[in-house]
Amino acid sequence: ACTGGCTSEWSAITSASATPKVDGVTGKVATLTGTDGTRQVTIDGRRLYTYADDKSPGDAEGQGEDGVWHVVTPSGKEITKKAPAAGSGGY
């Protein structure tokens, strides 16, 4: 979970619903209560975040940062390989 200083780069994905519906996602989508009391979206138990430097769909600038931040596929699988080169269309 991201708390403290990392929240300036990593924003939790939240939902008003305890059971968010996401088209195209085959992993188990749920929520956990975040440190601020909001419902943070998870996929297969992994908390989801967006990275501050990602500006467009498919961007993965934070991929592999600090050896702990990784892209998650719609099936919930964690991708640990190095991020593709900028402008290559992402994952």
C-alpha atoms as a PDB file:
ATOM      1  CA  ALA A   1       0.000   0.000   0.000  1.00  0.00           C
ATOM      2  CA  CYS A   2       1.149   3.518  -0.754  1.00  0.00           C
ATOM      3  CA  THR A   3       1.163   5.905   2.200  1.00  0.00           C
ATOM      4  CA  GLY A   4       3.107   9.014   3.136  1.00  0.00           C
ATOM      5  CA  GLY A   5       5.494  10.417   0.517  1.00  0.00           C
ATOM      6  CA  CYS A   6       4.685   7.952  -2.253  1.00  0.00           C
ATOM      7  CA  THR A   7       1.175   9.405  -2.572  1.00  0.00           C
ATOM      8  CA  SER A   8       2.643  12.362  -4.486  1.00  0.00           C
ATOM      9  CA  GLU A   9       3.501   9.960  -7.346  1.00  0.00           C
ATOM     10  CA  TRP A  10       0.969   7.160  -6.877  1.00  0.00           C
ATOM     11  CA  SER A  11      -2.765   7.929  -6.635  1.00  0.00           C
ATOM     12  CA  ALA A  12      -5.082   5.203  -5.393  1.00  0.00           C
ATOM     13  CA  ILE A  13      -7.895   4.248  -7.756  1.00  0.00           C
ATOM     14  CA  THR A  14     -11.101   4.600  -5.754  1.00  0.00           C
ATOM     15  CA  SER A  15     -14.766   3.755  -6.217  1.00  0.00           C
ATOM     16  CA  ALA A  16     -17.979   4.875  -4.589  1.00  0.00           C
ATOM     17  CA  SER A  17     -19.225   1.292  -4.954  1.00  0.00           C
ATOM     18  CA  ALA A  18     -18.020  -1.577  -2.765  1.00  0.00           C
ATOM     19  CA  THR A  19     -18.351  -3.849  -5.814  1.00  0.00           C
ATOM     20  CA  PRO A  20     -17.185  -1.842  -8.854  1.00  0.00           C
ATOM     21  CA  LYS A  21     -17.985  -3.208 -12.300  1.00  0.00           C
ATOM     22  CA  VAL A  22     -15.247  -2.827 -14.914  1.00  0.00           C
ATOM     23  CA  ASP A  23     -15.858  -3.891 -18.525  1.00  0.00           C
ATOM     24  CA  GLY A  24     -13.190  -6.180 -19.967  1.00  0.00           C
ATOM     25  CA  VAL A  25     -11.624  -7.117 -16.623  1.00  0.00           C
ATOM     26  CA  THR A  26     -11.602 -10.836 -15.913  1.00  0.00           C
ATOM     27  CA  GLY A  27      -9.739 -10.726 -12.595  1.00  0.00           C
ATOM     28  CA  LYS A  28     -11.719 -10.401  -9.357  1.00  0.00           C
ATOM     29  CA  VAL A  29     -12.496  -6.712  -8.822  1.00  0.00           C
ATOM     30  CA  ALA A  30     -13.242  -5.595  -5.266  1.00  0.00           C
ATOM     31  CA  THR A  31     -12.384  -2.789  -2.854  1.00  0.00           C
ATOM     32  CA  LEU A  32     -10.434  -2.401   0.367  1.00  0.00           C
ATOM     33  CA  THR A  33     -10.784   0.502   2.747  1.00  0.00           C
ATOM     34  CA  GLY A  34      -7.892   2.903   2.116  1.00  0.00           C
ATOM     35  CA  THR A  35      -5.958   4.713   4.823  1.00  0.00           C
ATOM     36  CA  ASP A  36      -8.169   7.777   4.272  1.00  0.00           C
ATOM     37  CA  GLY A  37     -11.401   5.777   4.523  1.00  0.00           C
ATOM     38  CA  THR A  38     -12.120   5.680   0.783  1.00  0.00           C
ATOM     39  CA  ARG A  39     -12.782   2.446  -1.099  1.00  0.00           C
ATOM     40  CA  GLN A  40      -9.628   1.546  -3.011  1.00  0.00           C
ATOM     41  CA  VAL A  41     -10.150  -0.680  -6.043  1.00  0.00           C
ATOM     42  CA  THR A  42      -8.304  -4.003  -6.140  1.00  0.00           C
ATOM     43  CA  ILE A  43      -7.896  -6.693  -8.745  1.00  0.00           C
ATOM     44  CA  ASP A  44      -7.208 -10.169  -7.392  1.00  0.00           C
ATOM     45  CA  GLY A  45      -6.343  -8.547  -4.055  1.00  0.00           C
ATOM     46  CA  ARG A  46      -3.800  -6.090  -5.505  1.00  0.00           C
ATOM     47  CA  ARG A  47      -4.442  -2.426  -4.685  1.00  0.00           C
ATOM     48  CA  LEU A  48      -4.605  -0.325  -7.861  1.00  0.00           C
ATOM     49  CA  TYR A  49      -2.853   3.003  -8.406  1.00  0.00           C
ATOM     50  CA  THR A  50      -2.144   5.432 -11.217  1.00  0.00           C
ATOM     51  CA  TYR A  51       1.311   6.943 -11.676  1.00  0.00           C
ATOM     52  CA  ALA A  52       1.722  10.724 -11.896  1.00  0.00           C
ATOM     53  CA  ASP A  53       3.893  10.597 -15.052  1.00  0.00           C
ATOM     54  CA  ASP A  54       1.414   8.460 -17.008  1.00  0.00           C
ATOM     55  CA  LYS A  55      -0.563  10.854 -19.190  1.00  0.00           C
ATOM     56  CA  SER A  56      -2.306   8.612 -21.758  1.00  0.00           C
ATOM     57  CA  PRO A  57      -3.863   5.144 -21.879  1.00  0.00           C
ATOM     58  CA  GLY A  58      -1.116   2.542 -22.211  1.00  0.00           C
ATOM     59  CA  ASP A  59       1.552   4.656 -20.479  1.00  0.00           C
ATOM     60  CA  ALA A  60       3.580   2.652 -17.953  1.00  0.00           C
ATOM     61  CA  GLU A  61       6.276   5.078 -16.796  1.00  0.00           C
ATOM     62  CA  GLY A  62       6.222   3.755 -13.230  1.00  0.00           C
ATOM     63  CA  GLN A  63       6.647   0.111 -14.297  1.00  0.00           C
ATOM     64  CA  GLY A  64       9.203  -1.573 -12.039  1.00  0.00           C
ATOM     65  CA  GLU A  65       9.879   1.555  -9.967  1.00  0.00           C
ATOM     66  CA  ASP A  66      11.673   0.699  -6.744  1.00  0.00           C
ATOM     67  CA  GLY A  67      11.280  -2.963  -7.699  1.00  0.00           C
ATOM     68  CA  VAL A  68       7.748  -3.047  -6.304  1.00  0.00           C
ATOM     69  CA  TRP A  69       5.440  -1.140  -8.675  1.00  0.00           C
ATOM     70  CA  HIS A  70       4.180  -3.214 -11.602  1.00  0.00           C
ATOM     71  CA  VAL A  71       1.505  -3.116 -14.273  1.00  0.00           C
ATOM     72  CA  VAL A  72      -1.441  -5.459 -13.719  1.00  0.00           C
ATOM     73  CA  THR A  73      -3.329  -6.974 -16.662  1.00  0.00           C
ATOM     74  CA  PRO A  74      -7.138  -7.102 -16.866  1.00  0.00           C
ATOM     75  CA  SER A  75      -6.910 -10.728 -15.689  1.00  0.00           C
ATOM     76  CA  GLY A  76      -5.092  -9.591 -12.530  1.00  0.00           C
ATOM     77  CA  LYS A  77      -1.672 -10.903 -13.597  1.00  0.00           C
ATOM     78  CA  GLU A  78       1.296  -8.807 -12.460  1.00  0.00           C
ATOM     79  CA  ILE A  79       3.756  -7.949 -15.257  1.00  0.00           C
ATOM     80  CA  THR A  80       7.288  -7.687 -13.932  1.00  0.00           C
ATOM     81  CA  LYS A  81       9.229  -7.255 -17.175  1.00  0.00           C
ATOM     82  CA  LYS A  82      10.809  -3.911 -17.995  1.00  0.00           C
ATOM     83  CA  ALA A  83       8.530  -1.211 -19.406  1.00  0.00           C
ATOM     84  CA  PRO A  84       8.524  -0.802 -23.207  1.00  0.00           C
ATOM     85  CA  ALA A  85      10.223   2.208 -24.761  1.00  0.00           C
ATOM     86  CA  ALA A  86       8.284   5.470 -24.661  1.00  0.00           C
ATOM     87  CA  GLY A  87       5.867   5.846 -27.550  1.00  0.00           C
ATOM     88  CA  SER A  88       5.723   2.110 -28.256  1.00  0.00           C
ATOM     89  CA  GLY A  89       2.080   1.792 -27.237  1.00  0.00           C
ATOM     90  CA  GLY A  90       2.588   0.352 -23.772  1.00  0.00           C
ATOM     91  CA  TYR A  91       1.601  -3.159 -22.809  1.00  0.00           C
END
